[in-house]
N, C-alpha and C. Protein backbone atom coordinates (compact mmCIF):
# COMPACT_ATOMS: atom_id res chain seq x y z
N UNK A 1 27.91 25.18 70.85
CA UNK A 1 26.85 25.30 69.89
C UNK A 1 27.11 24.35 68.72
N UNK A 2 26.10 23.62 68.35
CA UNK A 2 26.23 22.70 67.22
C UNK A 2 25.69 23.35 65.95
N UNK A 3 26.17 22.84 64.83
CA UNK A 3 25.72 23.30 63.53
C UNK A 3 25.11 22.11 62.82
N UNK A 4 24.00 22.34 62.15
CA UNK A 4 23.32 21.30 61.39
C UNK A 4 23.59 21.50 59.91
N UNK A 5 23.91 20.43 59.21
CA UNK A 5 24.08 20.45 57.77
C UNK A 5 22.94 19.71 57.11
N UNK A 6 22.41 20.26 56.01
CA UNK A 6 21.29 19.64 55.30
C UNK A 6 21.61 19.47 53.82
N UNK A 7 21.28 18.30 53.31
CA UNK A 7 21.31 18.02 51.88
C UNK A 7 19.86 17.83 51.46
N UNK A 8 19.28 18.85 50.85
CA UNK A 8 17.86 18.88 50.55
C UNK A 8 17.60 18.34 49.15
N UNK A 9 16.81 17.30 49.07
CA UNK A 9 16.42 16.73 47.79
C UNK A 9 14.91 16.76 47.66
N UNK A 10 14.41 16.26 46.53
CA UNK A 10 12.96 16.23 46.31
C UNK A 10 12.26 15.25 47.23
N UNK A 11 12.90 14.11 47.50
CA UNK A 11 12.26 13.06 48.29
C UNK A 11 12.83 12.88 49.69
N UNK A 12 14.04 13.38 49.91
CA UNK A 12 14.68 13.20 51.21
C UNK A 12 15.46 14.45 51.60
N UNK A 13 15.77 14.53 52.91
CA UNK A 13 16.67 15.56 53.43
C UNK A 13 17.71 14.83 54.27
N UNK A 14 18.96 14.87 53.83
CA UNK A 14 20.04 14.31 54.62
C UNK A 14 20.41 15.29 55.72
N UNK A 15 20.64 14.76 56.94
CA UNK A 15 20.92 15.62 58.09
C UNK A 15 22.24 15.19 58.74
N UNK A 16 23.09 16.17 59.02
CA UNK A 16 24.33 15.96 59.76
C UNK A 16 24.40 17.00 60.86
N UNK A 17 25.10 16.66 61.92
CA UNK A 17 25.26 17.56 63.08
C UNK A 17 26.74 17.62 63.44
N UNK A 18 27.20 18.80 63.82
CA UNK A 18 28.59 18.93 64.27
C UNK A 18 28.71 18.53 65.73
N UNK A 19 29.93 18.31 66.14
CA UNK A 19 30.19 18.13 67.57
C UNK A 19 30.02 19.51 68.23
N UNK A 20 29.96 19.58 69.57
CA UNK A 20 29.73 20.87 70.23
C UNK A 20 30.79 21.94 69.94
N UNK A 21 32.00 21.53 69.61
CA UNK A 21 33.06 22.50 69.31
C UNK A 21 33.06 22.94 67.85
N UNK A 22 32.24 22.31 67.03
CA UNK A 22 32.18 22.68 65.61
C UNK A 22 33.39 22.23 64.83
N UNK A 23 33.96 21.07 65.20
CA UNK A 23 35.15 20.57 64.52
C UNK A 23 34.84 19.46 63.52
N UNK A 24 33.91 18.57 63.86
CA UNK A 24 33.61 17.42 63.01
C UNK A 24 32.12 17.31 62.76
N UNK A 25 31.79 16.69 61.65
CA UNK A 25 30.39 16.48 61.28
C UNK A 25 30.07 14.99 61.30
N UNK A 26 28.89 14.65 61.78
CA UNK A 26 28.42 13.27 61.78
C UNK A 26 27.03 13.23 61.15
N UNK A 27 26.82 12.31 60.23
CA UNK A 27 25.50 12.13 59.66
C UNK A 27 24.58 11.55 60.72
N UNK A 28 23.36 12.06 60.83
CA UNK A 28 22.46 11.55 61.87
C UNK A 28 21.19 10.90 61.34
N UNK A 29 20.64 11.38 60.22
CA UNK A 29 19.44 10.74 59.71
C UNK A 29 19.08 11.23 58.32
N UNK A 30 18.15 10.53 57.72
CA UNK A 30 17.57 10.94 56.45
C UNK A 30 16.07 11.11 56.69
N UNK A 31 15.60 12.31 56.45
CA UNK A 31 14.18 12.61 56.60
C UNK A 31 13.48 12.29 55.28
N UNK A 32 12.49 11.44 55.32
CA UNK A 32 11.67 11.16 54.13
C UNK A 32 10.68 12.30 53.98
N UNK A 33 10.73 13.00 52.87
CA UNK A 33 9.87 14.17 52.67
C UNK A 33 8.45 13.74 52.33
N UNK A 34 7.51 14.36 53.02
CA UNK A 34 6.10 14.12 52.75
C UNK A 34 5.42 15.45 52.44
N UNK A 35 5.23 16.23 53.49
CA UNK A 35 4.64 17.57 53.35
C UNK A 35 5.62 18.57 53.97
N UNK A 36 5.64 19.81 53.50
CA UNK A 36 6.55 20.81 54.07
C UNK A 36 6.38 20.96 55.58
N UNK A 37 5.16 20.87 56.07
CA UNK A 37 4.92 21.01 57.52
C UNK A 37 5.59 19.88 58.30
N UNK A 38 5.58 18.67 57.72
CA UNK A 38 6.23 17.53 58.38
C UNK A 38 7.75 17.71 58.40
N UNK A 39 8.30 18.18 57.28
CA UNK A 39 9.75 18.44 57.22
C UNK A 39 10.14 19.46 58.29
N UNK A 40 9.38 20.53 58.38
CA UNK A 40 9.65 21.60 59.34
C UNK A 40 9.55 21.08 60.77
N UNK A 41 8.53 20.29 61.05
CA UNK A 41 8.35 19.74 62.40
C UNK A 41 9.57 18.90 62.80
N UNK A 42 10.02 18.02 61.90
CA UNK A 42 11.17 17.17 62.23
C UNK A 42 12.44 18.00 62.39
N UNK A 43 12.63 19.01 61.55
CA UNK A 43 13.81 19.87 61.69
C UNK A 43 13.78 20.62 63.02
N UNK A 44 12.61 21.10 63.42
CA UNK A 44 12.49 21.76 64.73
C UNK A 44 12.88 20.81 65.86
N UNK A 45 12.41 19.58 65.77
CA UNK A 45 12.74 18.58 66.79
C UNK A 45 14.26 18.38 66.87
N UNK A 46 14.90 18.26 65.73
CA UNK A 46 16.36 18.05 65.70
C UNK A 46 17.11 19.27 66.20
N UNK A 47 16.66 20.47 65.85
CA UNK A 47 17.30 21.70 66.34
C UNK A 47 17.25 21.73 67.86
N UNK A 48 16.11 21.37 68.44
CA UNK A 48 15.99 21.35 69.89
C UNK A 48 16.79 20.24 70.53
N UNK A 49 16.70 19.04 69.97
CA UNK A 49 17.39 17.88 70.53
C UNK A 49 18.90 18.07 70.57
N UNK A 50 19.47 18.61 69.50
CA UNK A 50 20.92 18.77 69.41
C UNK A 50 21.41 20.16 69.79
N UNK A 51 20.50 21.03 70.20
CA UNK A 51 20.85 22.40 70.56
C UNK A 51 21.61 23.09 69.44
N UNK A 52 21.02 23.08 68.27
CA UNK A 52 21.62 23.64 67.06
C UNK A 52 21.53 25.17 67.11
N UNK A 53 22.66 25.82 66.79
CA UNK A 53 22.70 27.28 66.77
C UNK A 53 22.76 27.86 65.37
N UNK A 54 23.08 27.02 64.38
CA UNK A 54 23.15 27.46 62.99
C UNK A 54 22.86 26.27 62.10
N UNK A 55 22.41 26.57 60.88
CA UNK A 55 22.15 25.53 59.89
C UNK A 55 22.85 25.92 58.60
N UNK A 56 23.45 24.94 57.93
CA UNK A 56 24.03 25.16 56.60
C UNK A 56 23.34 24.20 55.64
N UNK A 57 22.85 24.77 54.54
CA UNK A 57 22.13 24.00 53.54
C UNK A 57 22.95 23.97 52.26
N UNK A 58 23.15 22.78 51.73
CA UNK A 58 23.89 22.64 50.48
C UNK A 58 23.12 23.23 49.32
N UNK A 59 23.79 24.08 48.55
CA UNK A 59 23.19 24.72 47.38
C UNK A 59 23.76 24.05 46.13
N UNK A 60 22.93 23.30 45.40
CA UNK A 60 23.42 22.50 44.28
C UNK A 60 23.64 23.30 43.00
N UNK A 61 24.74 24.01 42.92
CA UNK A 61 25.05 24.80 41.73
C UNK A 61 25.55 23.89 40.60
N UNK A 62 25.47 24.42 39.39
CA UNK A 62 26.04 23.72 38.24
C UNK A 62 27.57 23.78 38.33
N UNK A 63 28.24 22.95 37.56
CA UNK A 63 29.70 22.89 37.62
C UNK A 63 30.34 24.24 37.28
N UNK A 64 29.70 25.05 36.45
CA UNK A 64 30.26 26.36 36.09
C UNK A 64 29.89 27.45 37.10
N UNK A 65 29.21 27.05 38.19
CA UNK A 65 28.83 27.99 39.23
C UNK A 65 27.48 28.64 39.01
N UNK A 66 26.87 28.39 37.87
CA UNK A 66 25.56 28.98 37.58
C UNK A 66 24.48 28.30 38.41
N UNK A 67 23.32 28.93 38.44
CA UNK A 67 22.20 28.42 39.22
C UNK A 67 21.24 27.67 38.31
N UNK A 68 21.07 26.40 38.60
CA UNK A 68 20.09 25.60 37.88
C UNK A 68 18.79 25.54 38.66
N UNK A 69 17.83 24.75 38.18
CA UNK A 69 16.51 24.67 38.82
C UNK A 69 16.58 24.20 40.28
N UNK A 70 17.51 23.32 40.61
CA UNK A 70 17.62 22.83 41.99
C UNK A 70 17.99 23.95 42.97
N UNK A 71 18.77 24.91 42.51
CA UNK A 71 19.14 26.03 43.38
C UNK A 71 17.88 26.79 43.79
N UNK A 72 17.00 27.00 42.85
CA UNK A 72 15.79 27.77 43.15
C UNK A 72 14.86 27.00 44.10
N UNK A 73 14.72 25.69 43.91
CA UNK A 73 13.86 24.93 44.82
C UNK A 73 14.49 24.83 46.21
N UNK A 74 15.82 24.77 46.27
CA UNK A 74 16.50 24.73 47.57
C UNK A 74 16.32 26.07 48.28
N UNK A 75 16.43 27.16 47.55
CA UNK A 75 16.22 28.48 48.17
C UNK A 75 14.77 28.66 48.63
N UNK A 76 13.82 28.10 47.92
CA UNK A 76 12.42 28.14 48.36
C UNK A 76 12.28 27.38 49.68
N UNK A 77 12.97 26.24 49.80
CA UNK A 77 12.96 25.47 51.04
C UNK A 77 13.53 26.32 52.18
N UNK A 78 14.67 26.97 51.93
CA UNK A 78 15.31 27.81 52.95
C UNK A 78 14.36 28.93 53.37
N UNK A 79 13.75 29.59 52.41
CA UNK A 79 12.83 30.68 52.73
C UNK A 79 11.63 30.21 53.53
N UNK A 80 11.22 28.97 53.32
CA UNK A 80 10.10 28.41 54.07
C UNK A 80 10.49 28.10 55.51
N UNK A 81 11.64 27.44 55.71
CA UNK A 81 11.98 26.97 57.07
C UNK A 81 12.66 28.02 57.93
N UNK A 82 13.43 28.92 57.34
CA UNK A 82 14.23 29.86 58.13
C UNK A 82 13.42 30.65 59.16
N UNK A 83 12.29 31.24 58.81
CA UNK A 83 11.57 32.03 59.82
C UNK A 83 11.03 31.19 60.98
N UNK A 84 10.89 29.89 60.77
CA UNK A 84 10.30 29.03 61.79
C UNK A 84 11.34 28.35 62.69
N UNK A 85 12.61 28.40 62.34
CA UNK A 85 13.62 27.68 63.10
C UNK A 85 14.39 28.55 64.08
N UNK A 86 14.32 29.86 63.95
CA UNK A 86 14.93 30.81 64.89
C UNK A 86 16.44 30.64 65.03
N UNK A 87 17.11 30.15 63.98
CA UNK A 87 18.57 30.09 63.94
C UNK A 87 19.01 30.55 62.55
N UNK A 88 20.20 31.10 62.43
CA UNK A 88 20.68 31.51 61.10
C UNK A 88 20.81 30.31 60.17
N UNK A 89 20.45 30.50 58.91
CA UNK A 89 20.59 29.47 57.89
C UNK A 89 21.52 29.99 56.80
N UNK A 90 22.58 29.24 56.54
CA UNK A 90 23.58 29.62 55.55
C UNK A 90 23.47 28.71 54.33
N UNK A 91 23.82 29.24 53.17
CA UNK A 91 23.92 28.44 51.96
C UNK A 91 25.38 28.02 51.80
N UNK A 92 25.59 26.82 51.25
CA UNK A 92 26.93 26.31 51.03
C UNK A 92 27.00 25.63 49.68
N UNK A 93 27.98 25.97 48.88
CA UNK A 93 28.16 25.36 47.56
C UNK A 93 28.44 23.87 47.74
N UNK A 94 27.55 23.05 47.22
CA UNK A 94 27.67 21.61 47.44
C UNK A 94 27.99 20.83 46.17
N UNK A 95 28.58 21.49 45.19
CA UNK A 95 28.90 20.78 43.95
C UNK A 95 29.67 19.50 44.25
N UNK A 96 29.20 18.42 43.71
CA UNK A 96 29.83 17.10 43.75
C UNK A 96 29.82 16.40 45.10
N UNK A 97 29.11 16.92 46.11
CA UNK A 97 29.12 16.23 47.40
C UNK A 97 28.43 14.87 47.32
N UNK A 98 27.33 14.77 46.57
CA UNK A 98 26.66 13.47 46.45
C UNK A 98 27.56 12.49 45.70
N UNK A 99 28.25 12.96 44.67
CA UNK A 99 29.17 12.10 43.93
C UNK A 99 30.32 11.65 44.83
N UNK A 100 30.83 12.56 45.66
CA UNK A 100 31.91 12.19 46.58
C UNK A 100 31.42 11.18 47.62
N UNK A 101 30.21 11.39 48.12
CA UNK A 101 29.65 10.43 49.09
C UNK A 101 29.48 9.07 48.45
N UNK A 102 28.98 9.04 47.22
CA UNK A 102 28.79 7.78 46.49
C UNK A 102 30.13 7.06 46.34
N UNK A 103 31.16 7.79 45.96
CA UNK A 103 32.49 7.22 45.76
C UNK A 103 33.03 6.63 47.07
N UNK A 104 32.87 7.35 48.17
CA UNK A 104 33.34 6.85 49.46
C UNK A 104 32.61 5.57 49.87
N UNK A 105 31.32 5.53 49.63
CA UNK A 105 30.55 4.33 49.99
C UNK A 105 30.91 3.14 49.12
N UNK A 106 31.17 3.38 47.84
CA UNK A 106 31.61 2.30 46.95
C UNK A 106 32.97 1.78 47.40
N UNK A 107 33.88 2.70 47.72
CA UNK A 107 35.21 2.29 48.20
C UNK A 107 35.12 1.50 49.49
N UNK A 108 34.10 1.79 50.31
CA UNK A 108 33.91 1.05 51.57
C UNK A 108 33.16 -0.26 51.33
N UNK A 109 32.89 -0.58 50.05
CA UNK A 109 32.23 -1.82 49.66
C UNK A 109 30.83 -1.96 50.25
N UNK A 110 30.11 -0.84 50.30
CA UNK A 110 28.73 -0.83 50.76
C UNK A 110 27.84 -1.22 49.57
N UNK A 111 26.89 -2.10 49.79
CA UNK A 111 26.01 -2.55 48.71
C UNK A 111 25.19 -1.39 48.17
N UNK A 112 24.66 -1.57 46.96
CA UNK A 112 23.83 -0.54 46.33
C UNK A 112 22.65 -0.19 47.25
N UNK A 113 22.03 -1.21 47.82
CA UNK A 113 20.90 -1.00 48.73
C UNK A 113 21.34 -0.22 49.98
N UNK A 114 22.50 -0.57 50.52
CA UNK A 114 23.03 0.13 51.69
C UNK A 114 23.38 1.57 51.38
N UNK A 115 23.95 1.80 50.19
CA UNK A 115 24.29 3.17 49.79
C UNK A 115 23.05 4.03 49.68
N UNK A 116 22.00 3.47 49.13
CA UNK A 116 20.76 4.23 48.95
C UNK A 116 20.21 4.72 50.29
N UNK A 117 20.40 3.94 51.34
CA UNK A 117 19.88 4.30 52.66
C UNK A 117 20.64 5.44 53.31
N UNK A 118 21.92 5.59 52.98
CA UNK A 118 22.75 6.56 53.71
C UNK A 118 23.36 7.68 52.86
N UNK A 119 23.17 7.64 51.55
CA UNK A 119 23.84 8.60 50.68
C UNK A 119 23.52 10.05 51.02
N UNK A 120 22.26 10.34 51.32
CA UNK A 120 21.87 11.73 51.61
C UNK A 120 22.44 12.20 52.95
N UNK A 121 22.49 11.29 53.91
CA UNK A 121 23.07 11.62 55.21
C UNK A 121 24.56 11.89 55.06
N UNK A 122 25.23 11.09 54.24
CA UNK A 122 26.66 11.28 54.03
C UNK A 122 26.93 12.56 53.25
N UNK A 123 26.09 12.89 52.28
CA UNK A 123 26.24 14.15 51.54
C UNK A 123 26.10 15.34 52.49
N UNK A 124 25.13 15.26 53.41
CA UNK A 124 24.95 16.32 54.41
C UNK A 124 26.20 16.44 55.28
N UNK A 125 26.79 15.31 55.63
CA UNK A 125 28.00 15.31 56.43
C UNK A 125 29.14 15.99 55.68
N UNK A 126 29.29 15.72 54.39
CA UNK A 126 30.34 16.35 53.60
C UNK A 126 30.10 17.86 53.44
N UNK A 127 28.85 18.25 53.25
CA UNK A 127 28.50 19.68 53.18
C UNK A 127 28.91 20.37 54.47
N UNK A 128 28.50 19.80 55.59
CA UNK A 128 28.79 20.41 56.89
C UNK A 128 30.28 20.41 57.18
N UNK A 129 30.98 19.32 56.88
CA UNK A 129 32.42 19.27 57.15
C UNK A 129 33.16 20.33 56.35
N UNK A 130 32.78 20.54 55.08
CA UNK A 130 33.39 21.60 54.28
C UNK A 130 33.17 22.96 54.90
N UNK A 131 31.96 23.21 55.34
CA UNK A 131 31.63 24.48 55.99
C UNK A 131 32.46 24.67 57.25
N UNK A 132 32.59 23.62 58.07
CA UNK A 132 33.36 23.71 59.32
C UNK A 132 34.83 23.98 59.04
N UNK A 133 35.38 23.33 58.02
CA UNK A 133 36.80 23.50 57.72
C UNK A 133 37.11 24.92 57.25
N UNK A 134 36.25 25.48 56.42
CA UNK A 134 36.45 26.87 55.98
C UNK A 134 36.31 27.82 57.16
N UNK A 135 35.36 27.54 58.01
CA UNK A 135 35.15 28.40 59.19
C UNK A 135 36.39 28.35 60.10
N UNK A 136 37.01 27.18 60.28
CA UNK A 136 38.22 27.06 61.11
C UNK A 136 39.34 27.91 60.55
N UNK A 137 39.48 27.92 59.22
CA UNK A 137 40.52 28.72 58.58
C UNK A 137 40.31 30.21 58.81
N UNK A 138 39.05 30.62 58.88
CA UNK A 138 38.73 32.04 59.05
C UNK A 138 38.93 32.53 60.48
N UNK A 139 39.10 31.61 61.42
CA UNK A 139 39.28 32.02 62.83
C UNK A 139 40.65 32.55 63.12
């Protein structure tokens, strides 16, 4: 069973998928957000294509752990898609994942234009990898 990781933003959704054993995460695409129905349709396609059994969505908390406005919009997204995807959806604390992804891409000497194309996908990969690592420890 694969797990899907999502980094949900206002304009894009970064998507990552685990390997079948749930050990590693790979970024697969960035969905350009248009309408909620379009987002849902593409997520359904990916769930079917990759045989996803669970989804983890990054929850962008403030550094002190409090909930800012992005947490509420992300939870609205989860509440919208969860009933339609027929798989469990988990929240995951994603503080600093986008910053970490940005740092990794800069260190890899990726141009600003190149970083912009993949940053959300890489953030989703970091969200999912963190979730997978904690899950491994709990086994």
